[in-house]
């Protein structure tokens, strides 16, 4: 089963998050994941993928304009019925901007017929809520959340037999 991870990164923090999400995905046997910057997407790979995980930095309480443009112009009919997940990076705790930015991306996924999943907060003191968030470079708990997001999406995609 293939999973596509598409991200936009300015400082390199979101790219590092994407790499950790990929590592988490590939902890699940039979899963292959590929990271792609938003400006260089392999559409054939995305079309064939069971899941799509999108990541972006947060600016002014929303995802970067590059990711928003991708959501507005790069979405394809193949997204329908894929499993989706999100991750975002921010420079400092902003009091909710990260959650709103995640919801912008999730809204783009839902409006295209995707199913979304994060792994949630159940039974975890450090839950993912809407997706993985990192403040600055993804280290410590922030890196762990990226790994858990990738693993959760990959496991759920297998449970749903999306790659079959």
N, C-alpha and C. Protein backbone atom coordinates (compact mmCIF):
# COMPACT_ATOMS: atom_id res chain seq x y z
N UNK A 1 0.84 -1.18 0.00
CA UNK A 1 0.00 0.00 0.00
C UNK A 1 0.89 1.24 0.00
N UNK A 2 0.53 2.22 -0.83
CA UNK A 2 1.29 3.47 -0.93
C UNK A 2 0.56 4.60 -0.22
N UNK A 3 1.37 5.47 0.41
CA UNK A 3 0.86 6.68 1.05
C UNK A 3 1.67 7.85 0.52
N UNK A 4 0.97 8.91 0.11
CA UNK A 4 1.61 10.13 -0.39
C UNK A 4 1.61 11.19 0.71
N UNK A 5 2.76 11.79 0.92
CA UNK A 5 2.91 12.87 1.90
C UNK A 5 3.34 14.11 1.13
N UNK A 6 2.48 15.10 1.09
CA UNK A 6 2.75 16.34 0.35
C UNK A 6 2.87 17.47 1.36
N UNK A 7 3.91 18.26 1.21
CA UNK A 7 4.17 19.30 2.20
C UNK A 7 4.69 20.57 1.54
N UNK A 8 4.53 21.68 2.24
CA UNK A 8 5.21 22.93 1.90
C UNK A 8 6.08 23.28 3.09
N UNK A 9 7.31 23.71 2.83
CA UNK A 9 8.23 24.05 3.91
C UNK A 9 9.08 25.25 3.51
N UNK A 10 9.19 26.22 4.39
CA UNK A 10 10.05 27.38 4.18
C UNK A 10 11.37 27.21 4.93
N UNK A 11 11.28 26.88 6.22
CA UNK A 11 12.47 26.81 7.07
C UNK A 11 13.11 25.43 7.10
N UNK A 12 12.39 24.42 6.62
CA UNK A 12 12.86 23.05 6.70
C UNK A 12 12.17 22.26 7.81
N UNK A 13 11.48 22.93 8.72
CA UNK A 13 10.81 22.23 9.83
C UNK A 13 9.68 21.34 9.34
N UNK A 14 8.87 21.84 8.40
CA UNK A 14 7.76 21.03 7.89
C UNK A 14 8.28 19.87 7.07
N UNK A 15 9.37 20.06 6.34
CA UNK A 15 10.00 18.96 5.59
C UNK A 15 10.46 17.87 6.56
N UNK A 16 11.06 18.27 7.67
CA UNK A 16 11.50 17.28 8.68
C UNK A 16 10.30 16.54 9.26
N UNK A 17 9.21 17.26 9.46
CA UNK A 17 7.99 16.60 9.94
C UNK A 17 7.52 15.57 8.92
N UNK A 18 7.54 15.93 7.64
CA UNK A 18 7.11 15.00 6.58
C UNK A 18 7.95 13.74 6.61
N UNK A 19 9.24 13.88 6.80
CA UNK A 19 10.13 12.72 6.85
C UNK A 19 9.82 11.82 8.05
N UNK A 20 9.47 12.43 9.17
CA UNK A 20 9.08 11.65 10.36
C UNK A 20 7.74 10.96 10.13
N UNK A 21 6.79 11.65 9.51
CA UNK A 21 5.50 11.03 9.19
C UNK A 21 5.73 9.83 8.29
N UNK A 22 6.59 9.97 7.30
CA UNK A 22 6.93 8.86 6.40
C UNK A 22 7.50 7.69 7.19
N UNK A 23 8.42 7.98 8.09
CA UNK A 23 9.00 6.92 8.92
C UNK A 23 7.92 6.20 9.73
N UNK A 24 6.97 6.98 10.28
CA UNK A 24 5.86 6.38 11.01
C UNK A 24 5.00 5.50 10.13
N UNK A 25 4.71 5.95 8.92
CA UNK A 25 3.91 5.15 7.98
C UNK A 25 4.59 3.82 7.72
N UNK A 26 5.90 3.87 7.51
CA UNK A 26 6.62 2.67 7.11
C UNK A 26 6.91 1.73 8.28
N UNK A 27 6.50 2.10 9.48
CA UNK A 27 6.53 1.16 10.61
C UNK A 27 5.46 0.08 10.46
N UNK A 28 4.48 0.35 9.63
CA UNK A 28 3.40 -0.61 9.38
C UNK A 28 3.81 -1.48 8.20
N UNK A 29 3.84 -2.79 8.43
CA UNK A 29 4.28 -3.73 7.40
C UNK A 29 3.46 -3.57 6.13
N UNK A 30 4.14 -3.58 5.00
CA UNK A 30 3.47 -3.51 3.70
C UNK A 30 3.19 -2.12 3.22
N UNK A 31 3.62 -1.10 3.95
CA UNK A 31 3.36 0.28 3.57
C UNK A 31 4.63 0.93 3.03
N UNK A 32 4.47 1.62 1.92
CA UNK A 32 5.53 2.43 1.35
C UNK A 32 5.00 3.86 1.27
N UNK A 33 5.79 4.81 1.75
CA UNK A 33 5.36 6.21 1.72
C UNK A 33 6.39 7.03 0.96
N UNK A 34 5.91 8.11 0.36
CA UNK A 34 6.81 9.01 -0.37
C UNK A 34 6.48 10.44 0.01
N UNK A 35 7.52 11.23 0.32
CA UNK A 35 7.38 12.66 0.61
C UNK A 35 7.59 13.45 -0.67
N UNK A 36 6.75 14.47 -0.87
CA UNK A 36 6.84 15.32 -2.05
C UNK A 36 6.59 16.77 -1.66
N UNK A 37 7.49 17.68 -2.05
CA UNK A 37 7.17 19.09 -1.84
C UNK A 37 5.98 19.50 -2.71
N UNK A 38 5.19 20.42 -2.22
CA UNK A 38 3.95 20.81 -2.88
C UNK A 38 4.18 21.31 -4.31
N UNK A 39 5.37 21.82 -4.58
CA UNK A 39 5.65 22.32 -5.92
C UNK A 39 6.16 21.24 -6.87
N UNK A 40 6.31 20.01 -6.39
CA UNK A 40 6.85 18.92 -7.21
C UNK A 40 6.13 17.61 -6.89
N UNK A 41 4.83 17.58 -7.15
CA UNK A 41 4.00 16.42 -6.80
C UNK A 41 3.98 15.41 -7.94
N UNK A 42 4.19 14.15 -7.60
CA UNK A 42 4.06 13.05 -8.56
C UNK A 42 2.59 12.63 -8.58
N UNK A 43 1.83 13.17 -9.52
CA UNK A 43 0.38 12.95 -9.56
C UNK A 43 0.03 11.47 -9.74
N UNK A 44 0.82 10.74 -10.50
CA UNK A 44 0.54 9.32 -10.69
C UNK A 44 0.63 8.57 -9.36
N UNK A 45 1.64 8.91 -8.57
CA UNK A 45 1.80 8.27 -7.25
C UNK A 45 0.62 8.64 -6.35
N UNK A 46 0.24 9.91 -6.34
CA UNK A 46 -0.88 10.36 -5.51
C UNK A 46 -2.17 9.67 -5.96
N UNK A 47 -2.40 9.58 -7.26
CA UNK A 47 -3.61 8.94 -7.76
C UNK A 47 -3.72 7.49 -7.27
N UNK A 48 -2.59 6.79 -7.20
CA UNK A 48 -2.58 5.38 -6.81
C UNK A 48 -2.50 5.16 -5.31
N UNK A 49 -2.20 6.20 -4.54
CA UNK A 49 -2.01 6.05 -3.09
C UNK A 49 -3.33 5.79 -2.37
N UNK A 50 -3.26 5.03 -1.29
CA UNK A 50 -4.43 4.76 -0.45
C UNK A 50 -4.74 5.93 0.48
N UNK A 51 -3.70 6.68 0.86
CA UNK A 51 -3.86 7.78 1.80
C UNK A 51 -3.02 8.96 1.34
N UNK A 52 -3.45 10.13 1.76
CA UNK A 52 -2.78 11.38 1.43
C UNK A 52 -2.65 12.18 2.72
N UNK A 53 -1.41 12.53 3.07
CA UNK A 53 -1.15 13.30 4.28
C UNK A 53 -0.51 14.61 3.86
N UNK A 54 -1.12 15.73 4.26
CA UNK A 54 -0.66 17.05 3.86
C UNK A 54 -0.10 17.82 5.04
N UNK A 55 0.98 18.56 4.79
CA UNK A 55 1.60 19.35 5.85
C UNK A 55 2.03 20.72 5.37
N UNK A 56 1.94 21.71 6.27
CA UNK A 56 2.29 23.08 5.92
C UNK A 56 2.65 23.87 7.17
N UNK A 57 3.40 24.95 6.99
CA UNK A 57 3.59 25.88 8.10
C UNK A 57 2.32 26.71 8.29
N UNK A 58 2.20 27.28 9.47
CA UNK A 58 1.07 28.12 9.81
C UNK A 58 1.50 29.58 9.79
N UNK A 59 0.74 30.39 9.07
CA UNK A 59 0.97 31.83 9.02
C UNK A 59 -0.36 32.52 9.27
N UNK A 60 -0.42 33.38 10.25
CA UNK A 60 -1.63 34.15 10.51
C UNK A 60 -2.85 33.30 10.79
N UNK A 61 -2.66 32.16 11.42
CA UNK A 61 -3.78 31.30 11.77
C UNK A 61 -4.28 30.40 10.66
N UNK A 62 -3.55 30.30 9.57
CA UNK A 62 -3.97 29.42 8.48
C UNK A 62 -2.75 28.74 7.89
N UNK A 63 -2.99 27.78 7.02
CA UNK A 63 -1.89 27.12 6.34
C UNK A 63 -1.26 28.07 5.33
N UNK A 64 -0.06 27.78 4.91
CA UNK A 64 0.63 28.62 3.92
C UNK A 64 -0.20 28.74 2.65
N UNK A 65 -0.01 29.86 1.95
CA UNK A 65 -0.76 30.06 0.71
C UNK A 65 -0.39 29.02 -0.33
N UNK A 66 0.82 28.49 -0.27
CA UNK A 66 1.23 27.48 -1.22
C UNK A 66 0.40 26.20 -1.05
N UNK A 67 0.15 25.82 0.20
CA UNK A 67 -0.68 24.64 0.45
C UNK A 67 -2.13 24.93 0.09
N UNK A 68 -2.60 26.11 0.42
CA UNK A 68 -3.98 26.47 0.08
C UNK A 68 -4.18 26.47 -1.43
N UNK A 69 -3.20 26.99 -2.18
CA UNK A 69 -3.29 26.96 -3.64
C UNK A 69 -3.33 25.52 -4.14
N UNK A 70 -2.51 24.66 -3.54
CA UNK A 70 -2.51 23.25 -3.93
C UNK A 70 -3.89 22.63 -3.68
N UNK A 71 -4.48 22.92 -2.52
CA UNK A 71 -5.81 22.40 -2.22
C UNK A 71 -6.84 22.92 -3.23
N UNK A 72 -6.71 24.18 -3.63
CA UNK A 72 -7.68 24.80 -4.54
C UNK A 72 -7.50 24.38 -5.99
N UNK A 73 -6.27 24.08 -6.40
CA UNK A 73 -6.02 23.81 -7.82
C UNK A 73 -5.43 22.44 -8.11
N UNK A 74 -4.83 21.78 -7.11
CA UNK A 74 -4.15 20.52 -7.36
C UNK A 74 -4.96 19.28 -7.02
N UNK A 75 -6.10 19.46 -6.37
CA UNK A 75 -6.93 18.31 -6.01
C UNK A 75 -7.48 17.66 -7.27
N UNK A 76 -7.60 16.35 -7.22
CA UNK A 76 -8.08 15.58 -8.37
C UNK A 76 -9.19 14.63 -7.94
N UNK A 77 -9.96 14.14 -8.91
CA UNK A 77 -11.03 13.19 -8.57
C UNK A 77 -10.50 11.96 -7.82
N UNK A 78 -9.24 11.60 -8.01
CA UNK A 78 -8.67 10.43 -7.34
C UNK A 78 -8.62 10.58 -5.82
N UNK A 79 -8.76 11.80 -5.32
CA UNK A 79 -8.74 12.00 -3.86
C UNK A 79 -9.97 11.40 -3.19
N UNK A 80 -11.06 11.27 -3.92
CA UNK A 80 -12.31 10.77 -3.36
C UNK A 80 -12.07 9.41 -2.71
N UNK A 81 -12.51 9.26 -1.50
CA UNK A 81 -12.44 8.02 -0.72
C UNK A 81 -11.03 7.65 -0.24
N UNK A 82 -10.04 8.52 -0.43
CA UNK A 82 -8.74 8.28 0.19
C UNK A 82 -8.83 8.68 1.65
N UNK A 83 -7.93 8.11 2.44
CA UNK A 83 -7.82 8.52 3.83
C UNK A 83 -6.86 9.70 3.89
N UNK A 84 -7.20 10.71 4.67
CA UNK A 84 -6.37 11.90 4.77
C UNK A 84 -5.96 12.22 6.19
N UNK A 85 -4.81 12.86 6.30
CA UNK A 85 -4.31 13.33 7.59
C UNK A 85 -3.51 14.60 7.38
N UNK A 86 -3.26 15.35 8.46
CA UNK A 86 -2.55 16.62 8.36
C UNK A 86 -1.50 16.77 9.45
N UNK A 87 -0.52 17.61 9.14
CA UNK A 87 0.47 18.05 10.12
C UNK A 87 0.85 19.48 9.79
N UNK A 88 1.16 20.27 10.83
CA UNK A 88 1.53 21.66 10.64
C UNK A 88 2.67 22.04 11.58
N UNK A 89 3.43 23.04 11.14
CA UNK A 89 4.50 23.58 11.98
C UNK A 89 4.22 25.05 12.25
N UNK A 90 4.70 25.51 13.38
CA UNK A 90 4.57 26.92 13.72
C UNK A 90 5.83 27.37 14.46
N UNK A 91 6.08 28.65 14.46
CA UNK A 91 7.30 29.17 15.11
C UNK A 91 7.19 29.22 16.62
N UNK A 92 5.99 29.45 17.14
CA UNK A 92 5.78 29.53 18.59
C UNK A 92 4.32 29.21 18.88
N UNK A 93 4.02 28.81 20.12
CA UNK A 93 2.61 28.52 20.45
C UNK A 93 1.77 29.78 20.25
N UNK A 94 0.78 29.66 19.38
CA UNK A 94 0.04 30.85 18.96
C UNK A 94 -1.39 30.90 19.50
N UNK A 95 -1.77 30.00 20.36
CA UNK A 95 -3.09 30.08 20.95
C UNK A 95 -4.22 29.65 20.05
N UNK A 96 -3.99 28.69 19.18
CA UNK A 96 -5.07 28.15 18.36
C UNK A 96 -4.87 28.25 16.87
N UNK A 97 -3.90 29.00 16.42
CA UNK A 97 -3.67 29.13 14.98
C UNK A 97 -3.38 27.81 14.31
N UNK A 98 -2.67 26.95 15.02
CA UNK A 98 -2.34 25.64 14.44
C UNK A 98 -3.61 24.81 14.20
N UNK A 99 -4.55 24.85 15.13
CA UNK A 99 -5.78 24.09 14.96
C UNK A 99 -6.60 24.62 13.79
N UNK A 100 -6.68 25.94 13.66
CA UNK A 100 -7.42 26.51 12.55
C UNK A 100 -6.75 26.16 11.22
N UNK A 101 -5.42 26.25 11.18
CA UNK A 101 -4.70 25.88 9.96
C UNK A 101 -4.93 24.44 9.57
N UNK A 102 -4.93 23.55 10.56
CA UNK A 102 -5.22 22.14 10.28
C UNK A 102 -6.64 22.00 9.73
N UNK A 103 -7.58 22.74 10.28
CA UNK A 103 -8.96 22.64 9.83
C UNK A 103 -9.13 23.15 8.40
N UNK A 104 -8.33 24.14 8.00
CA UNK A 104 -8.39 24.60 6.60
C UNK A 104 -8.01 23.45 5.67
N UNK A 105 -6.94 22.75 6.01
CA UNK A 105 -6.50 21.62 5.17
C UNK A 105 -7.53 20.49 5.23
N UNK A 106 -8.00 20.17 6.43
CA UNK A 106 -9.00 19.11 6.56
C UNK A 106 -10.28 19.45 5.80
N UNK A 107 -10.68 20.72 5.83
CA UNK A 107 -11.86 21.15 5.07
C UNK A 107 -11.68 20.92 3.58
N UNK A 108 -10.47 21.19 3.08
CA UNK A 108 -10.19 20.93 1.67
C UNK A 108 -10.30 19.46 1.34
N UNK A 109 -9.84 18.61 2.27
CA UNK A 109 -9.93 17.16 2.07
C UNK A 109 -11.38 16.69 2.09
N UNK A 110 -12.12 17.13 3.09
CA UNK A 110 -13.51 16.70 3.23
C UNK A 110 -14.37 17.14 2.05
N UNK A 111 -14.13 18.35 1.55
CA UNK A 111 -14.94 18.85 0.44
C UNK A 111 -14.66 18.09 -0.85
N UNK A 112 -13.59 17.31 -0.87
CA UNK A 112 -13.26 16.50 -2.05
C UNK A 112 -13.57 15.02 -1.83
N UNK A 113 -14.34 14.73 -0.79
CA UNK A 113 -14.81 13.37 -0.57
C UNK A 113 -13.85 12.46 0.16
N UNK A 114 -12.82 13.03 0.78
CA UNK A 114 -11.87 12.21 1.52
C UNK A 114 -12.39 11.90 2.92
N UNK A 115 -11.89 10.83 3.49
CA UNK A 115 -12.11 10.50 4.90
C UNK A 115 -10.89 11.04 5.64
N UNK A 116 -11.07 11.59 6.83
CA UNK A 116 -9.93 12.11 7.57
C UNK A 116 -9.77 11.38 8.90
N UNK A 117 -8.53 11.30 9.35
CA UNK A 117 -8.20 10.58 10.57
C UNK A 117 -6.93 11.16 11.17
N UNK A 118 -6.83 11.13 12.48
CA UNK A 118 -5.62 11.65 13.13
C UNK A 118 -5.03 10.67 14.14
N UNK A 119 -5.81 9.74 14.61
CA UNK A 119 -5.38 8.92 15.74
C UNK A 119 -5.98 9.42 17.03
N UNK A 120 -6.37 10.68 17.04
CA UNK A 120 -7.10 11.27 18.15
C UNK A 120 -6.36 11.35 19.47
N UNK A 121 -7.12 11.59 20.53
CA UNK A 121 -6.56 11.78 21.86
C UNK A 121 -6.92 10.65 22.82
N UNK A 122 -7.78 9.75 22.41
CA UNK A 122 -8.26 8.70 23.31
C UNK A 122 -7.11 7.90 23.90
N UNK A 123 -7.07 7.86 25.22
CA UNK A 123 -6.07 7.06 25.92
C UNK A 123 -4.66 7.61 25.86
N UNK A 124 -4.48 8.83 25.38
CA UNK A 124 -3.14 9.40 25.25
C UNK A 124 -3.10 10.77 25.92
N UNK A 125 -2.16 11.02 26.80
CA UNK A 125 -2.05 12.35 27.39
C UNK A 125 -1.48 13.38 26.41
N UNK A 126 -0.86 12.91 25.33
CA UNK A 126 -0.23 13.80 24.35
C UNK A 126 -0.87 13.62 22.98
N UNK A 127 -2.19 13.64 22.96
CA UNK A 127 -2.94 13.30 21.75
C UNK A 127 -2.68 14.20 20.56
N UNK A 128 -3.13 13.73 19.42
CA UNK A 128 -2.91 14.43 18.17
C UNK A 128 -4.01 15.42 17.82
N UNK A 129 -5.14 15.36 18.47
CA UNK A 129 -6.28 16.21 18.14
C UNK A 129 -6.58 16.11 16.65
N UNK A 130 -6.30 17.16 15.87
CA UNK A 130 -6.62 17.15 14.44
C UNK A 130 -5.48 16.59 13.60
N UNK A 131 -4.28 16.61 14.11
CA UNK A 131 -3.10 16.14 13.41
C UNK A 131 -1.86 16.49 14.22
N UNK A 132 -0.70 16.20 13.68
CA UNK A 132 0.55 16.49 14.40
C UNK A 132 0.91 17.96 14.25
N UNK A 133 1.39 18.55 15.34
CA UNK A 133 1.82 19.95 15.37
C UNK A 133 3.23 19.99 15.95
N UNK A 134 4.08 20.81 15.37
CA UNK A 134 5.41 21.03 15.92
C UNK A 134 5.62 22.53 16.11
N UNK A 135 6.22 22.88 17.23
CA UNK A 135 6.63 24.26 17.47
C UNK A 135 8.13 24.28 17.23
N UNK A 136 8.54 24.90 16.14
CA UNK A 136 9.95 24.88 15.75
C UNK A 136 10.30 23.53 15.15
N UNK A 137 11.56 23.16 15.30
CA UNK A 137 12.02 21.88 14.75
C UNK A 137 11.31 20.73 15.45
N UNK A 138 10.94 19.68 14.69
CA UNK A 138 10.23 18.55 15.30
C UNK A 138 11.18 17.65 16.09
N UNK A 139 11.30 17.93 17.37
CA UNK A 139 12.14 17.15 18.27
C UNK A 139 11.30 16.74 19.48
N UNK A 140 11.75 15.71 20.18
CA UNK A 140 11.06 15.26 21.39
C UNK A 140 9.63 14.87 21.11
N UNK A 141 8.69 15.43 21.90
CA UNK A 141 7.28 15.09 21.77
C UNK A 141 6.75 15.45 20.38
N UNK A 142 7.28 16.51 19.77
CA UNK A 142 6.82 16.91 18.43
C UNK A 142 7.20 15.85 17.39
N UNK A 143 8.40 15.30 17.50
CA UNK A 143 8.81 14.22 16.59
C UNK A 143 7.96 12.98 16.84
N UNK A 144 7.71 12.66 18.10
CA UNK A 144 6.89 11.49 18.43
C UNK A 144 5.50 11.61 17.82
N UNK A 145 4.93 12.80 17.85
CA UNK A 145 3.60 13.00 17.29
C UNK A 145 3.59 12.77 15.77
N UNK A 146 4.64 13.18 15.10
CA UNK A 146 4.73 12.94 13.65
C UNK A 146 4.81 11.45 13.36
N UNK A 147 5.63 10.75 14.11
CA UNK A 147 5.75 9.30 13.94
C UNK A 147 4.41 8.62 14.19
N UNK A 148 3.72 9.02 15.26
CA UNK A 148 2.43 8.42 15.59
C UNK A 148 1.38 8.72 14.54
N UNK A 149 1.40 9.94 13.98
CA UNK A 149 0.44 10.27 12.93
C UNK A 149 0.64 9.36 11.73
N UNK A 150 1.87 9.22 11.26
CA UNK A 150 2.13 8.36 10.12
C UNK A 150 1.70 6.93 10.37
N UNK A 151 2.04 6.42 11.55
CA UNK A 151 1.68 5.04 11.89
C UNK A 151 0.17 4.88 11.99
N UNK A 152 -0.51 5.86 12.57
CA UNK A 152 -1.98 5.79 12.72
C UNK A 152 -2.67 5.80 11.36
N UNK A 153 -2.24 6.67 10.47
CA UNK A 153 -2.86 6.75 9.14
C UNK A 153 -2.63 5.45 8.38
N UNK A 154 -1.39 4.94 8.41
CA UNK A 154 -1.07 3.71 7.68
C UNK A 154 -1.87 2.53 8.23
N UNK A 155 -1.95 2.40 9.55
CA UNK A 155 -2.70 1.30 10.15
C UNK A 155 -4.18 1.38 9.81
N UNK A 156 -4.75 2.60 9.86
CA UNK A 156 -6.17 2.76 9.56
C UNK A 156 -6.44 2.48 8.08
N UNK A 157 -5.56 2.92 7.20
CA UNK A 157 -5.74 2.64 5.77
C UNK A 157 -5.75 1.13 5.52
N UNK A 158 -4.89 0.40 6.23
CA UNK A 158 -4.88 -1.06 6.09
C UNK A 158 -6.17 -1.67 6.64
N UNK A 159 -6.61 -1.18 7.81
CA UNK A 159 -7.85 -1.69 8.40
C UNK A 159 -9.02 -1.51 7.44
N UNK A 160 -9.03 -0.39 6.74
CA UNK A 160 -10.12 -0.09 5.80
C UNK A 160 -9.90 -0.75 4.44
N UNK A 161 -8.76 -1.42 4.28
CA UNK A 161 -8.40 -2.11 3.04
C UNK A 161 -8.44 -1.15 1.86
N UNK A 162 -7.88 0.06 2.07
CA UNK A 162 -7.90 1.07 1.02
C UNK A 162 -6.89 0.80 -0.07
N UNK A 163 -5.84 0.06 0.22
CA UNK A 163 -4.83 -0.22 -0.79
C UNK A 163 -5.13 -1.44 -1.62
N UNK A 164 -6.27 -2.07 -1.39
CA UNK A 164 -6.60 -3.33 -2.08
C UNK A 164 -7.16 -3.07 -3.45
